[in-house]
N, C-alpha and C. Protein backbone atom coordinates (compact mmCIF):
# COMPACT_ATOMS: atom_id res chain seq x y z
N UNK A 1 1.07 -0.96 0.15
CA UNK A 1 0.44 0.05 -0.15
C UNK A 1 0.99 1.15 -0.39
N UNK A 2 0.52 1.89 -1.29
CA UNK A 2 1.82 3.38 -0.95
C UNK A 2 1.31 3.74 0.03
N UNK A 3 2.67 4.83 0.70
CA UNK A 3 2.16 5.34 1.52
C UNK A 3 2.32 4.61 3.06
N UNK A 4 2.37 3.41 3.04
CA UNK A 4 1.90 2.54 4.20
C UNK A 4 3.58 3.14 5.10
N UNK A 5 3.05 3.30 6.41
CA UNK A 5 4.72 3.54 7.10
C UNK A 5 5.22 1.86 7.46
N UNK A 6 4.87 1.03 7.05
CA UNK A 6 5.81 -0.39 7.16
C UNK A 6 6.12 -0.78 5.77
N UNK A 7 5.97 -0.13 5.04
CA UNK A 7 6.19 -0.39 3.38
C UNK A 7 8.01 -0.83 3.94
N UNK A 8 8.25 -2.05 3.27
CA UNK A 8 9.30 -2.65 3.17
C UNK A 8 9.77 -2.88 4.75
N UNK A 9 9.22 -2.50 5.82
CA UNK A 9 9.93 -3.42 7.10
C UNK A 9 9.24 -4.94 7.37
N UNK A 10 10.81 -5.92 7.31
CA UNK A 10 10.66 -7.09 8.03
C UNK A 10 9.72 -7.44 8.86
N UNK A 11 9.10 -8.59 9.39
CA UNK A 11 8.75 -8.64 9.95
C UNK A 11 9.02 -10.47 10.53
N UNK A 12 9.42 -10.58 11.88
CA UNK A 12 9.95 -11.89 11.89
C UNK A 12 9.34 -12.72 12.91
N UNK A 13 9.08 -13.79 13.08
CA UNK A 13 8.37 -14.97 13.06
C UNK A 13 8.56 -14.69 14.99
N UNK A 14 9.39 -14.67 15.78
CA UNK A 14 9.71 -14.80 17.01
C UNK A 14 10.95 -14.16 17.03
N UNK A 15 11.71 -13.84 18.79
CA UNK A 15 12.79 -13.25 18.30
C UNK A 15 13.83 -13.99 18.57
N UNK A 16 14.77 -13.94 17.56
CA UNK A 16 15.90 -15.26 17.41
C UNK A 16 15.56 -15.58 16.13
N UNK A 17 14.47 -15.58 15.73
CA UNK A 17 14.11 -16.51 14.54
C UNK A 17 14.55 -15.74 13.50
N UNK A 18 14.25 -16.42 12.36
CA UNK A 18 15.04 -15.90 11.03
C UNK A 18 13.81 -16.15 10.45
N UNK A 19 12.88 -16.63 10.35
CA UNK A 19 11.10 -16.97 9.71
C UNK A 19 10.88 -15.37 9.21
N UNK A 20 10.80 -15.11 8.24
CA UNK A 20 9.68 -13.97 8.26
C UNK A 20 8.51 -13.88 7.21
N UNK A 21 7.84 -13.03 8.02
CA UNK A 21 6.42 -13.78 8.37
C UNK A 21 5.91 -12.69 6.78
N UNK A 22 4.86 -13.32 6.58
CA UNK A 22 4.91 -12.43 4.73
C UNK A 22 3.42 -11.62 6.16
N UNK A 23 3.42 -10.44 4.88
CA UNK A 23 2.45 -8.82 5.99
C UNK A 23 1.74 -8.46 4.68
N UNK A 24 1.04 -8.13 4.64
CA UNK A 24 -0.36 -8.10 4.06
C UNK A 24 -0.64 -6.35 4.85
N UNK A 25 -0.01 -5.15 4.34
CA UNK A 25 -0.39 -4.39 4.60
C UNK A 25 -1.92 -3.97 4.07
N UNK A 26 -2.31 -2.29 5.08
CA UNK A 26 -3.80 -2.33 4.91
C UNK A 26 -3.83 -1.12 5.92
N UNK A 27 -5.50 -0.12 5.46
CA UNK A 27 -5.81 0.99 6.09
C UNK A 27 -6.06 1.14 7.38
N UNK A 28 -5.49 1.30 7.91
CA UNK A 28 -6.16 1.34 9.13
C UNK A 28 -7.15 2.26 9.98
N UNK A 29 -8.34 1.89 10.00
CA UNK A 29 -9.62 1.91 10.53
C UNK A 29 -10.02 2.05 12.08
N UNK A 30 -9.47 1.16 12.72
CA UNK A 30 -8.98 0.42 14.17
C UNK A 30 -8.37 0.86 14.55
N UNK A 31 -8.33 0.90 15.61
CA UNK A 31 -7.27 1.20 16.32
C UNK A 31 -7.48 0.28 17.90
N UNK A 32 -6.22 -0.80 18.26
CA UNK A 32 -6.10 -1.38 19.21
C UNK A 32 -5.28 -0.54 20.17
N UNK A 33 -5.64 -1.29 21.36
CA UNK A 33 -4.56 -0.98 22.58
C UNK A 33 -3.77 -2.48 22.87
N UNK A 34 -2.68 -1.90 22.80
CA UNK A 34 -1.62 -2.72 22.90
C UNK A 34 -0.49 -2.78 24.26
N UNK A 35 0.59 -3.49 24.78
CA UNK A 35 1.38 -4.18 26.37
C UNK A 35 2.52 -4.30 25.30
N UNK A 36 3.62 -3.40 25.35
CA UNK A 36 4.45 -3.34 24.60
C UNK A 36 6.05 -3.74 26.03
N UNK A 37 7.44 -4.52 25.98
CA UNK A 37 7.76 -3.91 26.69
C UNK A 37 9.32 -3.65 25.77
N UNK A 38 10.17 -2.37 26.09
CA UNK A 38 11.31 -2.38 25.18
C UNK A 38 12.43 -2.73 25.22
N UNK A 39 12.66 -3.93 25.68
CA UNK A 39 13.76 -4.53 25.73
C UNK A 39 13.85 -4.82 23.82
N UNK A 40 15.95 -3.84 23.87
CA UNK A 40 15.45 -4.76 22.58
C UNK A 40 17.26 -5.48 22.27
N UNK A 41 17.08 -6.87 21.72
CA UNK A 41 18.52 -7.40 21.54
C UNK A 41 19.06 -7.01 19.94
N UNK A 42 20.04 -6.73 19.77
CA UNK A 42 20.88 -6.98 18.79
C UNK A 42 19.30 -6.37 17.67
N UNK A 43 19.18 -5.41 18.06
CA UNK A 43 18.43 -4.34 17.19
C UNK A 43 16.76 -5.04 16.93
N UNK A 44 16.04 -5.48 18.03
CA UNK A 44 15.22 -6.67 17.21
C UNK A 44 14.70 -7.00 19.36
N UNK A 45 13.26 -6.51 18.82
CA UNK A 45 12.72 -6.51 20.02
C UNK A 45 12.08 -7.99 20.73
N UNK A 46 12.51 -7.97 22.20
CA UNK A 46 12.46 -9.54 22.69
C UNK A 46 10.88 -9.86 22.82
N UNK A 47 10.04 -9.48 23.03
CA UNK A 47 8.51 -9.73 23.65
C UNK A 47 7.75 -9.61 22.37
N UNK A 48 6.64 -10.50 22.11
CA UNK A 48 5.81 -9.86 21.38
C UNK A 48 4.98 -8.81 21.73
N UNK A 49 4.11 -7.90 21.11
CA UNK A 49 2.67 -7.37 21.45
C UNK A 49 2.09 -7.97 22.22
N UNK A 50 1.01 -7.07 23.13
CA UNK A 50 0.16 -8.21 23.84
C UNK A 50 -1.38 -6.52 23.40
N UNK A 51 -2.04 -8.12 22.88
CA UNK A 51 -3.60 -7.39 22.54
C UNK A 51 -3.74 -6.69 23.66
N UNK A 52 -4.55 -5.54 24.33
CA UNK A 52 -5.38 -5.15 25.61
C UNK A 52 -6.77 -4.47 24.96
N UNK A 53 -6.98 -4.12 23.78
CA UNK A 53 -8.03 -4.01 23.78
C UNK A 53 -8.56 -3.26 22.35
N UNK A 54 -9.55 -3.23 21.69
CA UNK A 54 -9.95 -2.25 20.97
C UNK A 54 -10.76 -0.76 21.46
N UNK A 55 -9.81 -0.26 20.84
CA UNK A 55 -9.73 1.12 21.71
C UNK A 55 -11.74 2.50 20.33
N UNK A 56 -12.23 1.81 21.20
CA UNK A 56 -13.37 2.40 19.83
C UNK A 56 -13.95 4.19 19.84
N UNK A 57 -13.38 4.56 21.29
CA UNK A 57 -13.07 6.21 21.50
C UNK A 57 -11.93 7.01 21.04
N UNK A 58 -11.33 6.38 20.11
CA UNK A 58 -10.28 6.66 19.63
C UNK A 58 -10.03 6.42 18.01
N UNK A 59 -9.76 7.35 16.65
CA UNK A 59 -9.72 7.10 15.62
C UNK A 59 -8.21 6.69 15.39
N UNK A 60 -8.35 6.55 13.73
CA UNK A 60 -6.99 6.40 13.20
C UNK A 60 -5.66 7.83 13.50
N UNK A 61 -7.14 8.68 13.10
CA UNK A 61 -6.62 9.99 12.53
C UNK A 61 -5.40 10.65 14.26
N UNK A 62 -6.08 10.18 15.29
CA UNK A 62 -5.74 10.39 16.81
C UNK A 62 -4.63 9.97 17.15
N UNK A 63 -4.34 8.97 16.57
CA UNK A 63 -2.64 8.46 16.31
C UNK A 63 -1.87 8.91 15.89
N UNK A 64 -0.93 9.71 16.23
CA UNK A 64 0.36 9.45 16.03
C UNK A 64 0.72 8.54 15.11
N UNK A 65 1.50 9.07 14.08
CA UNK A 65 2.88 7.51 13.07
C UNK A 65 3.64 7.14 13.77
N UNK A 66 3.74 5.99 13.55
CA UNK A 66 4.65 5.44 14.69
C UNK A 66 6.34 5.76 14.72
N UNK A 67 6.70 6.34 15.81
CA UNK A 67 7.74 7.38 15.74
C UNK A 67 8.08 8.79 15.67
N UNK A 68 6.14 9.18 15.64
CA UNK A 68 6.27 10.35 16.03
C UNK A 68 5.76 10.48 17.08
N UNK A 69 5.38 11.76 18.47
CA UNK A 69 4.17 11.77 18.89
C UNK A 69 5.40 12.17 20.02
N UNK A 70 5.10 12.85 21.77
CA UNK A 70 5.25 13.33 22.48
C UNK A 70 6.04 11.69 23.23
N UNK A 71 6.52 10.76 23.00
CA UNK A 71 6.76 9.76 23.19
C UNK A 71 6.68 9.10 22.39
N UNK A 72 7.78 8.82 21.66
CA UNK A 72 8.25 8.09 20.16
C UNK A 72 8.73 6.93 20.35
N UNK A 73 8.48 6.36 19.95
CA UNK A 73 9.29 4.61 19.83
C UNK A 73 10.47 5.00 19.44
N UNK A 74 11.20 4.16 20.64
CA UNK A 74 12.89 3.06 19.75
C UNK A 74 13.31 2.40 19.77
N UNK A 75 14.11 1.42 18.55
CA UNK A 75 14.57 0.67 18.28
C UNK A 75 14.40 0.76 16.98
């Protein structure tokens, strides 16, 4: 999908894995809250994200792009 911030990013199956996942990029319409640990080893996050809940009170337009905003992600 042109303009998607994840275009060209490789996703792996698990920490330490060399298996690359097939990904289909979509237009974001629903916001989900997740929990994440910031532990990074050799440029890879150690633990997967954990789904918390769907946020019906937030639109996709309310969420800053990945890496932007007051608490930018690092990794």
